[in-house]
PDB file of N, CA and C in Angstrom:
ATOM      1  N   MET A   1      47.079  72.039 -51.490  1.00  0.00           N
ATOM      2  CA  MET A   1      46.869  71.823 -52.908  1.00  0.00           C
ATOM      3  C   MET A   1      47.822  72.685 -53.739  1.00  0.00           C
ATOM      4  N   LEU A   2      48.151  73.855 -53.263  1.00  0.00           N
ATOM      5  CA  LEU A   2      49.016  74.753 -54.017  1.00  0.00           C
ATOM      6  C   LEU A   2      50.375  74.140 -54.356  1.00  0.00           C
ATOM      7  N   PRO A   3      51.071  73.474 -53.423  1.00  0.00           N
ATOM      8  CA  PRO A   3      52.369  72.903 -53.783  1.00  0.00           C
ATOM      9  C   PRO A   3      52.281  71.886 -54.916  1.00  0.00           C
ATOM     10  N   VAL A   4      51.208  71.076 -54.959  1.00  0.00           N
ATOM     11  CA  VAL A   4      51.048  70.108 -56.047  1.00  0.00           C
ATOM     12  C   VAL A   4      50.875  70.851 -57.360  1.00  0.00           C
ATOM     13  N   PHE A   5      50.070  71.913 -57.378  1.00  0.00           N
ATOM     14  CA  PHE A   5      49.863  72.694 -58.594  1.00  0.00           C
ATOM     15  C   PHE A   5      51.187  73.268 -59.084  1.00  0.00           C
ATOM     16  N   LEU A   6      51.988  73.802 -58.167  1.00  0.00           N
ATOM     17  CA  LEU A   6      53.284  74.347 -58.553  1.00  0.00           C
ATOM     18  C   LEU A   6      54.192  73.260 -59.106  1.00  0.00           C
ATOM     19  N   CYS A   7      54.078  72.055 -58.580  1.00  0.00           N
ATOM     20  CA  CYS A   7      54.856  70.927 -59.094  1.00  0.00           C
ATOM     21  C   CYS A   7      54.480  70.660 -60.548  1.00  0.00           C
ATOM     22  N   PHE A   8      53.200  70.757 -60.876  1.00  0.00           N
ATOM     23  CA  PHE A   8      52.761  70.551 -62.254  1.00  0.00           C
ATOM     24  C   PHE A   8      53.413  71.574 -63.177  1.00  0.00           C
ATOM     25  N   LEU A   9      53.379  72.833 -62.782  1.00  0.00           N
ATOM     26  CA  LEU A   9      53.915  73.882 -63.636  1.00  0.00           C
ATOM     27  C   LEU A   9      55.427  73.833 -63.689  1.00  0.00           C
ATOM     28  N   GLU A  10      56.066  73.363 -62.622  1.00  0.00           N
ATOM     29  CA  GLU A  10      57.516  73.249 -62.626  1.00  0.00           C
ATOM     30  C   GLU A  10      57.984  72.299 -63.728  1.00  0.00           C
ATOM     31  N   THR A  11      57.268  71.197 -63.929  1.00  0.00           N
ATOM     32  CA  THR A  11      57.680  70.257 -64.965  1.00  0.00           C
ATOM     33  C   THR A  11      57.631  70.899 -66.345  1.00  0.00           C
ATOM     34  N   HIS A  12      56.719  71.825 -66.538  1.00  0.00           N
ATOM     35  CA  HIS A  12      56.609  72.495 -67.844  1.00  0.00           C
ATOM     36  C   HIS A  12      57.639  73.613 -67.994  1.00  0.00           C
ATOM     37  N   HIS A  13      57.697  74.527 -67.026  1.00  0.00           N
ATOM     38  CA  HIS A  13      58.529  75.718 -67.157  1.00  0.00           C
ATOM     39  C   HIS A  13      59.999  75.495 -66.805  1.00  0.00           C
ATOM     40  N   VAL A  14      60.268  74.750 -65.767  1.00  0.00           N
ATOM     41  CA  VAL A  14      61.645  74.577 -65.301  1.00  0.00           C
ATOM     42  C   VAL A  14      62.312  73.384 -65.969  1.00  0.00           C
ATOM     43  N   LEU A  15      61.621  72.248 -65.967  1.00  0.00           N
ATOM     44  CA  LEU A  15      62.216  71.040 -66.515  1.00  0.00           C
ATOM     45  C   LEU A  15      62.012  70.904 -68.021  1.00  0.00           C
ATOM     46  N   LYS A  16      61.223  71.802 -68.606  1.00  0.00           N
ATOM     47  CA  LYS A  16      60.958  71.832 -70.050  1.00  0.00           C
ATOM     48  C   LYS A  16      60.293  70.555 -70.559  1.00  0.00           C
ATOM     49  N   HIS A  17      59.561  69.871 -69.685  1.00  0.00           N
ATOM     50  CA  HIS A  17      58.779  68.721 -70.111  1.00  0.00           C
ATOM     51  C   HIS A  17      57.612  69.291 -70.908  1.00  0.00           C
ATOM     52  N   GLU A  18      57.333  68.742 -72.076  1.00  0.00           N
ATOM     53  CA  GLU A  18      56.328  69.362 -72.941  1.00  0.00           C
ATOM     54  C   GLU A  18      54.918  69.273 -72.369  1.00  0.00           C
ATOM     55  N   LYS A  19      54.702  68.407 -71.422  1.00  0.00           N
ATOM     56  CA  LYS A  19      53.374  68.235 -70.845  1.00  0.00           C
ATOM     57  C   LYS A  19      53.480  68.426 -69.341  1.00  0.00           C
ATOM     58  N   SER A  20      52.853  69.442 -68.785  1.00  0.00           N
ATOM     59  CA  SER A  20      53.033  69.721 -67.367  1.00  0.00           C
ATOM     60  C   SER A  20      52.239  68.773 -66.487  1.00  0.00           C
ATOM     61  N   HIS A  21      51.082  68.384 -66.884  1.00  0.00           N
ATOM     62  CA  HIS A  21      50.314  67.356 -66.188  1.00  0.00           C
ATOM     63  C   HIS A  21      49.192  66.906 -67.091  1.00  0.00           C
ATOM     64  N   ASP A  22      48.462  65.920 -66.657  1.00  0.00           N
ATOM     65  CA  ASP A  22      47.392  65.383 -67.489  1.00  0.00           C
ATOM     66  C   ASP A  22      46.346  66.442 -67.783  1.00  0.00           C
ATOM     67  N   PHE A  23      45.745  66.314 -68.925  1.00  0.00           N
ATOM     68  CA  PHE A  23      44.689  67.226 -69.323  1.00  0.00           C
ATOM     69  C   PHE A  23      43.457  66.992 -68.466  1.00  0.00           C
ATOM     70  N   SER A  24      42.673  68.049 -68.300  1.00  0.00           N
ATOM     71  CA  SER A  24      41.410  67.884 -67.596  1.00  0.00           C
ATOM     72  C   SER A  24      40.425  67.240 -68.577  1.00  0.00           C
ATOM     73  N   ASN A  25      39.241  67.022 -68.113  1.00  0.00           N
ATOM     74  CA  ASN A  25      38.209  66.443 -68.973  1.00  0.00           C
ATOM     75  C   ASN A  25      37.417  67.527 -69.704  1.00  0.00           C
ATOM     76  N   TYR A  26      38.045  68.695 -69.843  1.00  0.00           N
ATOM     77  CA  TYR A  26      37.401  69.818 -70.515  1.00  0.00           C
ATOM     78  C   TYR A  26      38.303  70.383 -71.604  1.00  0.00           C
ATOM     79  N   ARG A  27      37.673  71.028 -72.569  1.00  0.00           N
ATOM     80  CA  ARG A  27      38.422  71.716 -73.614  1.00  0.00           C
ATOM     81  C   ARG A  27      37.881  73.141 -73.717  1.00  0.00           C
ATOM     82  N   LEU A  28      38.702  74.016 -74.237  1.00  0.00           N
ATOM     83  CA  LEU A  28      38.358  75.435 -74.300  1.00  0.00           C
ATOM     84  C   LEU A  28      37.593  75.778 -75.569  1.00  0.00           C
ATOM     85  N   ARG A  29      36.567  76.608 -75.406  1.00  0.00           N
ATOM     86  CA  ARG A  29      35.852  77.165 -76.557  1.00  0.00           C
ATOM     87  C   ARG A  29      35.863  78.682 -76.395  1.00  0.00           C
ATOM     88  N   ILE A  30      36.172  79.380 -77.484  1.00  0.00           N
ATOM     89  CA  ILE A  30      36.286  80.843 -77.461  1.00  0.00           C
ATOM     90  C   ILE A  30      35.198  81.444 -78.343  1.00  0.00           C
ATOM     91  N   ASN A  31      34.518  82.475 -77.828  1.00  0.00           N
ATOM     92  CA  ASN A  31      33.539  83.210 -78.617  1.00  0.00           C
ATOM     93  C   ASN A  31      34.197  84.526 -79.050  1.00  0.00           C
ATOM     94  N   PRO A  32      34.714  84.604 -80.290  1.00  0.00           N
ATOM     95  CA  PRO A  32      35.413  85.814 -80.730  1.00  0.00           C
ATOM     96  C   PRO A  32      34.505  87.042 -80.849  1.00  0.00           C
ATOM     97  N   GLU A  33      33.201  86.819 -80.957  1.00  0.00           N
ATOM     98  CA  GLU A  33      32.272  87.946 -81.095  1.00  0.00           C
ATOM     99  C   GLU A  33      32.163  88.772 -79.821  1.00  0.00           C
ATOM    100  N   THR A  34      32.334  88.138 -78.670  1.00  0.00           N
ATOM    101  CA  THR A  34      32.212  88.876 -77.411  1.00  0.00           C
ATOM    102  C   THR A  34      33.561  89.192 -76.779  1.00  0.00           C
ATOM    103  N   CYS A  35      34.643  88.607 -77.290  1.00  0.00           N
ATOM    104  CA  CYS A  35      35.984  88.853 -76.752  1.00  0.00           C
ATOM    105  C   CYS A  35      36.376  90.311 -76.997  1.00  0.00           C
ATOM    106  N   LYS A  36      36.903  90.981 -75.966  1.00  0.00           N
ATOM    107  CA  LYS A  36      37.338  92.364 -76.158  1.00  0.00           C
ATOM    108  C   LYS A  36      38.856  92.477 -76.318  1.00  0.00           C
ATOM    109  N   ALA A  37      39.542  91.325 -76.430  1.00  0.00           N
ATOM    110  CA  ALA A  37      40.994  91.278 -76.681  1.00  0.00           C
ATOM    111  C   ALA A  37      41.798  91.994 -75.603  1.00  0.00           C
ATOM    112  N   CYS A  38      41.382  91.824 -74.355  1.00  0.00           N
ATOM    113  CA  CYS A  38      42.094  92.475 -73.250  1.00  0.00           C
ATOM    114  C   CYS A  38      43.416  91.768 -72.935  1.00  0.00           C
ATOM    115  N   GLY A  39      43.512  90.491 -73.256  1.00  0.00           N
ATOM    116  CA  GLY A  39      44.752  89.754 -73.054  1.00  0.00           C
ATOM    117  C   GLY A  39      44.933  89.124 -71.684  1.00  0.00           C
ATOM    118  N   LEU A  40      43.951  89.257 -70.791  1.00  0.00           N
ATOM    119  CA  LEU A  40      44.081  88.646 -69.466  1.00  0.00           C
ATOM    120  C   LEU A  40      44.227  87.132 -69.554  1.00  0.00           C
ATOM    121  N   CYS A  41      43.524  86.516 -70.476  1.00  0.00           N
ATOM    122  CA  CYS A  41      43.614  85.063 -70.630  1.00  0.00           C
ATOM    123  C   CYS A  41      45.012  84.657 -71.081  1.00  0.00           C
ATOM    124  N   VAL A  42      45.590  85.427 -71.984  1.00  0.00           N
ATOM    125  CA  VAL A  42      46.933  85.137 -72.495  1.00  0.00           C
ATOM    126  C   VAL A  42      47.957  85.264 -71.363  1.00  0.00           C
ATOM    127  N   GLN A  43      47.819  86.308 -70.567  1.00  0.00           N
ATOM    128  CA  GLN A  43      48.743  86.528 -69.449  1.00  0.00           C
ATOM    129  C   GLN A  43      48.657  85.431 -68.402  1.00  0.00           C
ATOM    130  N   ARG A  44      47.476  84.893 -68.177  1.00  0.00           N
ATOM    131  CA  ARG A  44      47.268  83.933 -67.094  1.00  0.00           C
ATOM    132  C   ARG A  44      47.459  82.474 -67.508  1.00  0.00           C
ATOM    133  N   CYS A  45      47.446  82.167 -68.778  1.00  0.00           N
ATOM    134  CA  CYS A  45      47.566  80.770 -69.220  1.00  0.00           C
ATOM    135  C   CYS A  45      48.909  80.187 -68.784  1.00  0.00           C
ATOM    136  N   PRO A  46      48.892  79.108 -67.985  1.00  0.00           N
ATOM    137  CA  PRO A  46      50.150  78.563 -67.464  1.00  0.00           C
ATOM    138  C   PRO A  46      51.012  77.854 -68.511  1.00  0.00           C
ATOM    139  N   VAL A  47      50.454  77.556 -69.691  1.00  0.00           N
ATOM    140  CA  VAL A  47      51.233  76.845 -70.713  1.00  0.00           C
ATOM    141  C   VAL A  47      51.283  77.607 -72.047  1.00  0.00           C
ATOM    142  N   GLN A  48      50.985  78.894 -72.017  1.00  0.00           N
ATOM    143  CA  GLN A  48      51.043  79.749 -73.199  1.00  0.00           C
ATOM    144  C   GLN A  48      50.301  79.145 -74.405  1.00  0.00           C
ATOM    145  N   ALA A  49      49.070  78.707 -74.177  1.00  0.00           N
ATOM    146  CA  ALA A  49      48.274  78.099 -75.239  1.00  0.00           C
ATOM    147  C   ALA A  49      47.401  79.106 -75.982  1.00  0.00           C
ATOM    148  N   LEU A  50      47.368  80.368 -75.509  1.00  0.00           N
ATOM    149  CA  LEU A  50      46.504  81.385 -76.109  1.00  0.00           C
ATOM    150  C   LEU A  50      47.302  82.575 -76.607  1.00  0.00           C
ATOM    151  N   LYS A  51      46.752  83.261 -77.597  1.00  0.00           N
ATOM    152  CA  LYS A  51      47.294  84.557 -77.998  1.00  0.00           C
ATOM    153  C   LYS A  51      46.181  85.395 -78.602  1.00  0.00           C
ATOM    154  N   ILE A  52      46.432  86.691 -78.693  1.00  0.00           N
ATOM    155  CA  ILE A  52      45.472  87.620 -79.294  1.00  0.00           C
ATOM    156  C   ILE A  52      45.854  87.808 -80.753  1.00  0.00           C
ATOM    157  N   GLU A  53      44.865  87.642 -81.642  1.00  0.00           N
ATOM    158  CA  GLU A  53      45.108  87.770 -83.082  1.00  0.00           C
ATOM    159  C   GLU A  53      43.953  88.492 -83.756  1.00  0.00           C
ATOM    160  N   ASP A  54      44.200  88.935 -84.973  1.00  0.00           N
ATOM    161  CA  ASP A  54      43.134  89.507 -85.787  1.00  0.00           C
ATOM    162  C   ASP A  54      42.058  88.449 -86.000  1.00  0.00           C
ATOM    163  N   SER A  55      40.800  88.885 -85.957  1.00  0.00           N
ATOM    164  CA  SER A  55      39.691  87.957 -86.150  1.00  0.00           C
ATOM    165  C   SER A  55      38.571  88.656 -86.905  1.00  0.00           C
ATOM    166  N   PRO A  56      38.134  88.091 -88.015  1.00  0.00           N
ATOM    167  CA  PRO A  56      37.029  88.701 -88.754  1.00  0.00           C
ATOM    168  C   PRO A  56      35.704  88.643 -87.978  1.00  0.00           C
ATOM    169  N   LEU A  57      35.623  87.756 -86.986  1.00  0.00           N
ATOM    170  CA  LEU A  57      34.395  87.636 -86.194  1.00  0.00           C
ATOM    171  C   LEU A  57      34.358  88.584 -85.001  1.00  0.00           C
ATOM    172  N   ALA A  58      35.492  89.178 -84.669  1.00  0.00           N
ATOM    173  CA  ALA A  58      35.559  90.066 -83.507  1.00  0.00           C
ATOM    174  C   ALA A  58      34.730  91.321 -83.742  1.00  0.00           C
ATOM    175  N   LYS A  59      34.018  91.736 -82.703  1.00  0.00           N
ATOM    176  CA  LYS A  59      33.170  92.921 -82.831  1.00  0.00           C
ATOM    177  C   LYS A  59      33.709  94.092 -82.034  1.00  0.00           C
ATOM    178  N   ASN A  60      34.943  93.966 -81.520  1.00  0.00           N
ATOM    179  CA  ASN A  60      35.537  95.079 -80.789  1.00  0.00           C
ATOM    180  C   ASN A  60      36.234  96.024 -81.773  1.00  0.00           C
ATOM    181  N   ASN A  61      36.662  97.189 -81.298  1.00  0.00           N
ATOM    182  CA  ASN A  61      37.291  98.196 -82.172  1.00  0.00           C
ATOM    183  C   ASN A  61      38.594  97.704 -82.793  1.00  0.00           C
ATOM    184  N   GLN A  62      39.291  96.824 -82.099  1.00  0.00           N
ATOM    185  CA  GLN A  62      40.583  96.339 -82.580  1.00  0.00           C
ATOM    186  C   GLN A  62      40.445  95.235 -83.630  1.00  0.00           C
ATOM    187  N   ARG A  63      39.247  94.644 -83.717  1.00  0.00           N
ATOM    188  CA  ARG A  63      38.997  93.495 -84.616  1.00  0.00           C
ATOM    189  C   ARG A  63      39.938  92.344 -84.277  1.00  0.00           C
ATOM    190  N   LYS A  64      40.169  92.147 -82.971  1.00  0.00           N
ATOM    191  CA  LYS A  64      41.045  91.078 -82.485  1.00  0.00           C
ATOM    192  C   LYS A  64      40.288  90.227 -81.478  1.00  0.00           C
ATOM    193  N   SER A  65      40.795  89.007 -81.292  1.00  0.00           N
ATOM    194  CA  SER A  65      40.183  88.078 -80.354  1.00  0.00           C
ATOM    195  C   SER A  65      41.238  87.102 -79.840  1.00  0.00           C
ATOM    196  N   ALA A  66      40.947  86.496 -78.698  1.00  0.00           N
ATOM    197  CA  ALA A  66      41.805  85.420 -78.196  1.00  0.00           C
ATOM    198  C   ALA A  66      41.673  84.232 -79.135  1.00  0.00           C
ATOM    199  N   ARG A  67      42.782  83.509 -79.275  1.00  0.00           N
ATOM    200  CA  ARG A  67      42.776  82.311 -80.116  1.00  0.00           C
ATOM    201  C   ARG A  67      43.633  81.247 -79.450  1.00  0.00           C
ATOM    202  N   LEU A  68      43.172  80.013 -79.545  1.00  0.00           N
ATOM    203  CA  LEU A  68      43.942  78.879 -79.027  1.00  0.00           C
ATOM    204  C   LEU A  68      45.037  78.579 -80.036  1.00  0.00           C
ATOM    205  N   VAL A  69      46.284  78.776 -79.633  1.00  0.00           N
ATOM    206  CA  VAL A  69      47.432  78.590 -80.518  1.00  0.00           C
ATOM    207  C   VAL A  69      47.627  77.119 -80.834  1.00  0.00           C
ATOM    208  N   ASP A  70      47.527  76.284 -79.821  1.00  0.00           N
ATOM    209  CA  ASP A  70      47.760  74.854 -79.989  1.00  0.00           C
ATOM    210  C   ASP A  70      46.807  74.104 -79.061  1.00  0.00           C
ATOM    211  N   SER A  71      45.801  73.460 -79.629  1.00  0.00           N
ATOM    212  CA  SER A  71      44.810  72.768 -78.805  1.00  0.00           C
ATOM    213  C   SER A  71      45.428  71.607 -78.030  1.00  0.00           C
ATOM    214  N   ASN A  72      46.537  71.064 -78.508  1.00  0.00           N
ATOM    215  CA  ASN A  72      47.212  69.979 -77.790  1.00  0.00           C
ATOM    216  C   ASN A  72      47.947  70.477 -76.558  1.00  0.00           C
ATOM    217  N   ARG A  73      48.204  71.756 -76.500  1.00  0.00           N
ATOM    218  CA  ARG A  73      48.910  72.331 -75.354  1.00  0.00           C
ATOM    219  C   ARG A  73      47.945  72.727 -74.234  1.00  0.00           C
ATOM    220  N   CYS A  74      46.735  73.091 -74.597  1.00  0.00           N
ATOM    221  CA  CYS A  74      45.738  73.527 -73.611  1.00  0.00           C
ATOM    222  C   CYS A  74      45.389  72.375 -72.668  1.00  0.00           C
ATOM    223  N   LEU A  75      45.474  72.644 -71.366  1.00  0.00           N
ATOM    224  CA  LEU A  75      45.204  71.633 -70.348  1.00  0.00           C
ATOM    225  C   LEU A  75      43.734  71.560 -69.956  1.00  0.00           C
ATOM    226  N   GLY A  76      42.987  72.604 -70.291  1.00  0.00           N
ATOM    227  CA  GLY A  76      41.604  72.661 -69.844  1.00  0.00           C
ATOM    228  C   GLY A  76      41.507  72.988 -68.368  1.00  0.00           C
ATOM    229  N   CYS A  77      42.499  73.733 -67.862  1.00  0.00           N
ATOM    230  CA  CYS A  77      42.559  74.035 -66.423  1.00  0.00           C
ATOM    231  C   CYS A  77      41.539  75.094 -66.007  1.00  0.00           C
ATOM    232  N   GLY A  78      41.146  75.973 -66.925  1.00  0.00           N
ATOM    233  CA  GLY A  78      40.133  76.975 -66.622  1.00  0.00           C
ATOM    234  C   GLY A  78      40.642  78.288 -66.075  1.00  0.00           C
ATOM    235  N   VAL A  79      41.948  78.472 -65.973  1.00  0.00           N
ATOM    236  CA  VAL A  79      42.493  79.735 -65.464  1.00  0.00           C
ATOM    237  C   VAL A  79      42.056  80.886 -66.371  1.00  0.00           C
ATOM    238  N   CYS A  80      42.138  80.685 -67.667  1.00  0.00           N
ATOM    239  CA  CYS A  80      41.748  81.734 -68.617  1.00  0.00           C
ATOM    240  C   CYS A  80      40.255  82.045 -68.520  1.00  0.00           C
ATOM    241  N   VAL A  81      39.454  81.014 -68.344  1.00  0.00           N
ATOM    242  CA  VAL A  81      38.002  81.181 -68.242  1.00  0.00           C
ATOM    243  C   VAL A  81      37.665  82.026 -67.018  1.00  0.00           C
ATOM    244  N   HIS A  82      38.327  81.747 -65.927  1.00  0.00           N
ATOM    245  CA  HIS A  82      38.095  82.480 -64.682  1.00  0.00           C
ATOM    246  C   HIS A  82      38.453  83.962 -64.825  1.00  0.00           C
ATOM    247  N   LYS A  83      39.478  84.269 -65.602  1.00  0.00           N
ATOM    248  CA  LYS A  83      39.944  85.649 -65.734  1.00  0.00           C
ATOM    249  C   LYS A  83      39.187  86.462 -66.780  1.00  0.00           C
ATOM    250  N   CYS A  84      38.465  85.820 -67.673  1.00  0.00           N
ATOM    251  CA  CYS A  84      37.807  86.532 -68.776  1.00  0.00           C
ATOM    252  C   CYS A  84      36.664  87.424 -68.274  1.00  0.00           C
ATOM    253  N   PRO A  85      36.792  88.757 -68.449  1.00  0.00           N
ATOM    254  CA  PRO A  85      35.753  89.665 -67.947  1.00  0.00           C
ATOM    255  C   PRO A  85      34.467  89.643 -68.787  1.00  0.00           C
ATOM    256  N   THR A  86      34.536  89.131 -70.017  1.00  0.00           N
ATOM    257  CA  THR A  86      33.350  89.112 -70.887  1.00  0.00           C
ATOM    258  C   THR A  86      32.741  87.716 -71.008  1.00  0.00           C
ATOM    259  N   GLN A  87      33.284  86.759 -70.281  1.00  0.00           N
ATOM    260  CA  GLN A  87      32.821  85.369 -70.329  1.00  0.00           C
ATOM    261  C   GLN A  87      32.821  84.822 -71.760  1.00  0.00           C
ATOM    262  N   SER A  88      33.848  85.208 -72.524  1.00  0.00           N
ATOM    263  CA  SER A  88      33.990  84.753 -73.908  1.00  0.00           C
ATOM    264  C   SER A  88      34.674  83.399 -74.011  1.00  0.00           C
ATOM    265  N   LEU A  89      35.231  82.949 -72.912  1.00  0.00           N
ATOM    266  CA  LEU A  89      35.902  81.652 -72.883  1.00  0.00           C
ATOM    267  C   LEU A  89      35.077  80.686 -72.043  1.00  0.00           C
ATOM    268  N   LEU A  90      34.857  79.498 -72.566  1.00  0.00           N
ATOM    269  CA  LEU A  90      34.068  78.485 -71.871  1.00  0.00           C
ATOM    270  C   LEU A  90      34.804  77.155 -71.896  1.00  0.00           C
ATOM    271  N   LEU A  91      34.607  76.358 -70.859  1.00  0.00           N
ATOM    272  CA  LEU A  91      35.116  74.998 -70.860  1.00  0.00           C
ATOM    273  C   LEU A  91      33.965  74.062 -71.201  1.00  0.00           C
ATOM    274  N   GLU A  92      34.198  73.189 -72.167  1.00  0.00           N
ATOM    275  CA  GLU A  92      33.212  72.194 -72.573  1.00  0.00           C
ATOM    276  C   GLU A  92      33.765  70.808 -72.266  1.00  0.00           C
ATOM    277  N   PRO A  93      32.913  69.857 -71.938  1.00  0.00           N
ATOM    278  CA  PRO A  93      33.398  68.502 -71.682  1.00  0.00           C
ATOM    279  C   PRO A  93      34.038  67.897 -72.933  1.00  0.00           C
ATOM    280  N   ARG A  94      35.138  67.192 -72.734  1.00  0.00           N
ATOM    281  CA  ARG A  94      35.779  66.469 -73.834  1.00  0.00           C
ATOM    282  C   ARG A  94      34.939  65.238 -74.170  1.00  0.00           C
ATOM    283  N   ALA A  95      35.086  64.743 -75.382  1.00  0.00           N
ATOM    284  CA  ALA A  95      34.359  63.548 -75.794  1.00  0.00           C
ATOM    285  C   ALA A  95      34.841  62.327 -75.012  1.00  0.00           C
ATOM    286  N   GLU A  96      36.150  62.257 -74.781  1.00  0.00           N
ATOM    287  CA  GLU A  96      36.728  61.125 -74.063  1.00  0.00           C
ATOM    288  C   GLU A  96      37.084  61.554 -72.636  1.00  0.00           C
ATOM    289  N   ILE A  97      36.460  60.929 -71.659  1.00  0.00           N
ATOM    290  CA  ILE A  97      36.692  61.259 -70.252  1.00  0.00           C
ATOM    291  C   ILE A  97      37.793  60.356 -69.689  1.00  0.00           C
ATOM    292  N   GLN A  98      38.744  60.970 -68.960  1.00  0.00           N
ATOM    293  CA  GLN A  98      39.822  60.222 -68.328  1.00  0.00           C
ATOM    294  C   GLN A  98      39.734  60.409 -66.816  1.00  0.00           C
ATOM    295  N   ASP A  99      39.963  59.335 -66.087  1.00  0.00           N
ATOM    296  CA  ASP A  99      39.975  59.429 -64.631  1.00  0.00           C
ATOM    297  C   ASP A  99      41.266  60.097 -64.182  1.00  0.00           C
ATOM    298  N   PRO A 100      41.182  61.056 -63.271  1.00  0.00           N
ATOM    299  CA  PRO A 100      42.398  61.705 -62.760  1.00  0.00           C
ATOM    300  C   PRO A 100      43.154  60.758 -61.834  1.00  0.00           C
ATOM    301  N   PRO A 101      44.437  61.013 -61.589  1.00  0.00           N
ATOM    302  CA  PRO A 101      45.180  60.191 -60.632  1.00  0.00           C
ATOM    303  C   PRO A 101      44.546  60.282 -59.243  1.00  0.00           C
ATOM    304  N   LYS A 102      44.608  59.187 -58.494  1.00  0.00           N
ATOM    305  CA  LYS A 102      44.005  59.153 -57.158  1.00  0.00           C
ATOM    306  C   LYS A 102      44.787  59.975 -56.146  1.00  0.00           C
ATOM    307  N   ASP A 103      46.115  60.016 -56.326  1.00  0.00           N
ATOM    308  CA  ASP A 103      46.957  60.729 -55.378  1.00  0.00           C
ATOM    309  C   ASP A 103      48.262  61.131 -56.056  1.00  0.00           C
ATOM    310  N   ALA A 104      49.132  61.791 -55.310  1.00  0.00           N
ATOM    311  CA  ALA A 104      50.396  62.273 -55.873  1.00  0.00           C
ATOM    312  C   ALA A 104      51.275  61.123 -56.344  1.00  0.00           C
ATOM    313  N   ARG A 105      51.222  60.016 -55.657  1.00  0.00           N
ATOM    314  CA  ARG A 105      52.028  58.857 -56.040  1.00  0.00           C
ATOM    315  C   ARG A 105      51.603  58.332 -57.423  1.00  0.00           C
ATOM    316  N   GLU A 106      50.304  58.210 -57.633  1.00  0.00           N
ATOM    317  CA  GLU A 106      49.811  57.735 -58.931  1.00  0.00           C
ATOM    318  C   GLU A 106      50.148  58.742 -60.033  1.00  0.00           C
ATOM    319  N   TRP A 107      50.022  60.033 -59.706  1.00  0.00           N
ATOM    320  CA  TRP A 107      50.366  61.063 -60.691  1.00  0.00           C
ATOM    321  C   TRP A 107      51.842  60.973 -61.066  1.00  0.00           C
ATOM    322  N   MET A 108      52.708  60.814 -60.070  1.00  0.00           N
ATOM    323  CA  MET A 108      54.142  60.739 -60.318  1.00  0.00           C
ATOM    324  C   MET A 108      54.481  59.491 -61.143  1.00  0.00           C
ATOM    325  N   ALA A 109      53.832  58.369 -60.856  1.00  0.00           N
ATOM    326  CA  ALA A 109      54.063  57.141 -61.627  1.00  0.00           C
ATOM    327  C   ALA A 109      53.689  57.363 -63.091  1.00  0.00           C
ATOM    328  N   LYS A 110      52.601  58.074 -63.327  1.00  0.00           N
ATOM    329  CA  LYS A 110      52.187  58.358 -64.706  1.00  0.00           C
ATOM    330  C   LYS A 110      53.177  59.291 -65.392  1.00  0.00           C
ATOM    331  N   LEU A 111      53.683  60.282 -64.668  1.00  0.00           N
ATOM    332  CA  LEU A 111      54.668  61.200 -65.232  1.00  0.00           C
ATOM    333  C   LEU A 111      55.936  60.444 -65.628  1.00  0.00           C
ATOM    334  N   VAL A 112      56.400  59.568 -64.749  1.00  0.00           N
ATOM    335  CA  VAL A 112      57.605  58.778 -65.050  1.00  0.00           C
ATOM    336  C   VAL A 112      57.366  57.888 -66.265  1.00  0.00           C
ATOM    337  N   LYS A 113      56.183  57.286 -66.339  1.00  0.00           N
ATOM    338  CA  LYS A 113      55.837  56.438 -67.491  1.00  0.00           C
ATOM    339  C   LYS A 113      55.831  57.270 -68.778  1.00  0.00           C
ATOM    340  N   ASP A 114      55.242  58.468 -68.734  1.00  0.00           N
ATOM    341  CA  ASP A 114      55.227  59.359 -69.905  1.00  0.00           C
ATOM    342  C   ASP A 114      56.648  59.728 -70.328  1.00  0.00           C
ATOM    343  N   GLN A 115      57.500  60.014 -69.346  1.00  0.00           N
ATOM    344  CA  GLN A 115      58.887  60.375 -69.655  1.00  0.00           C
ATOM    345  C   GLN A 115      59.621  59.199 -70.290  1.00  0.00           C
ATOM    346  N   GLU A 116      59.396  57.998 -69.779  1.00  0.00           N
ATOM    347  CA  GLU A 116      60.037  56.809 -70.339  1.00  0.00           C
ATOM    348  C   GLU A 116      59.563  56.565 -71.773  1.00  0.00           C
ATOM    349  N   GLN A 117      58.271  56.745 -72.023  1.00  0.00           N
ATOM    350  CA  GLN A 117      57.746  56.595 -73.382  1.00  0.00           C
ATOM    351  C   GLN A 117      58.368  57.628 -74.314  1.00  0.00           C
ATOM    352  N   ALA A 118      58.578  58.840 -73.810  1.00  0.00           N
ATOM    353  CA  ALA A 118      59.203  59.886 -74.625  1.00  0.00           C
ATOM    354  C   ALA A 118      60.637  59.507 -74.969  1.00  0.00           C
ATOM    355  N   ARG A 119      61.365  58.964 -73.996  1.00  0.00           N
ATOM    356  CA  ARG A 119      62.757  58.544 -74.239  1.00  0.00           C
ATOM    357  C   ARG A 119      62.822  57.426 -75.273  1.00  0.00           C
ATOM    358  N   THR A 120      61.976  56.436 -75.144  1.00  0.00           N
ATOM    359  CA  THR A 120      62.007  55.289 -76.058  1.00  0.00           C
ATOM    360  C   THR A 120      61.525  55.661 -77.462  1.00  0.00           C
ATOM    361  N   SER A 121      60.743  56.715 -77.564  1.00  0.00           N
ATOM    362  CA  SER A 121      60.287  57.152 -78.894  1.00  0.00           C
ATOM    363  C   SER A 121      61.286  58.112 -79.538  1.00  0.00           C
ATOM    364  N   GLY A 122      62.336  58.459 -78.790  1.00  0.00           N
ATOM    365  CA  GLY A 122      63.380  59.340 -79.350  1.00  0.00           C
ATOM    366  C   GLY A 122      63.156  60.818 -79.142  1.00  0.00           C
ATOM    367  N   ARG A 123      62.099  61.191 -78.410  1.00  0.00           N
ATOM    368  CA  ARG A 123      61.850  62.601 -78.128  1.00  0.00           C
ATOM    369  C   ARG A 123      62.778  63.101 -77.057  1.00  0.00           C
ATOM    370  N   GLN A 124      63.290  64.288 -77.200  1.00  0.00           N
ATOM    371  CA  GLN A 124      64.177  64.912 -76.211  1.00  0.00           C
ATOM    372  C   GLN A 124      63.343  65.592 -75.151  1.00  0.00           C
ATOM    373  N   ILE A 125      63.583  65.320 -73.869  1.00  0.00           N
ATOM    374  CA  ILE A 125      62.801  65.968 -72.818  1.00  0.00           C
ATOM    375  C   ILE A 125      63.670  66.672 -71.789  1.00  0.00           C
ATOM    376  N   ASP A 126      64.963  66.792 -71.978  1.00  0.00           N
ATOM    377  CA  ASP A 126      65.893  67.480 -71.056  1.00  0.00           C
ATOM    378  C   ASP A 126      65.466  67.338 -69.626  1.00  0.00           C
TER     379      ASP A 126
END
């Protein structure tokens, strides 16, 4: 399973494709009141969707909390949730559920289709 996961991240980091793989059926919810702004979630996020910012709701000494920078970038992979020592990050089911690809071949076909749609819409994907 690890090589497939690395393939997903390679499309984002190496090939600069704006979408590394399909989103999960979950979205991230952050509780700023319990976040201690340690930054582990920011360090571990594979698509840099989180950052630490000032928050009026934060109850830590720094008055900072994790924040989702771009909800369209978050994959719902759960890496940040797993790393959070205060359990301030939760994954919630998305309203619209999508079936995942059955295998690597189906995933690759979808990636190629997404790339073709990006080309025809005029988006640059290097």
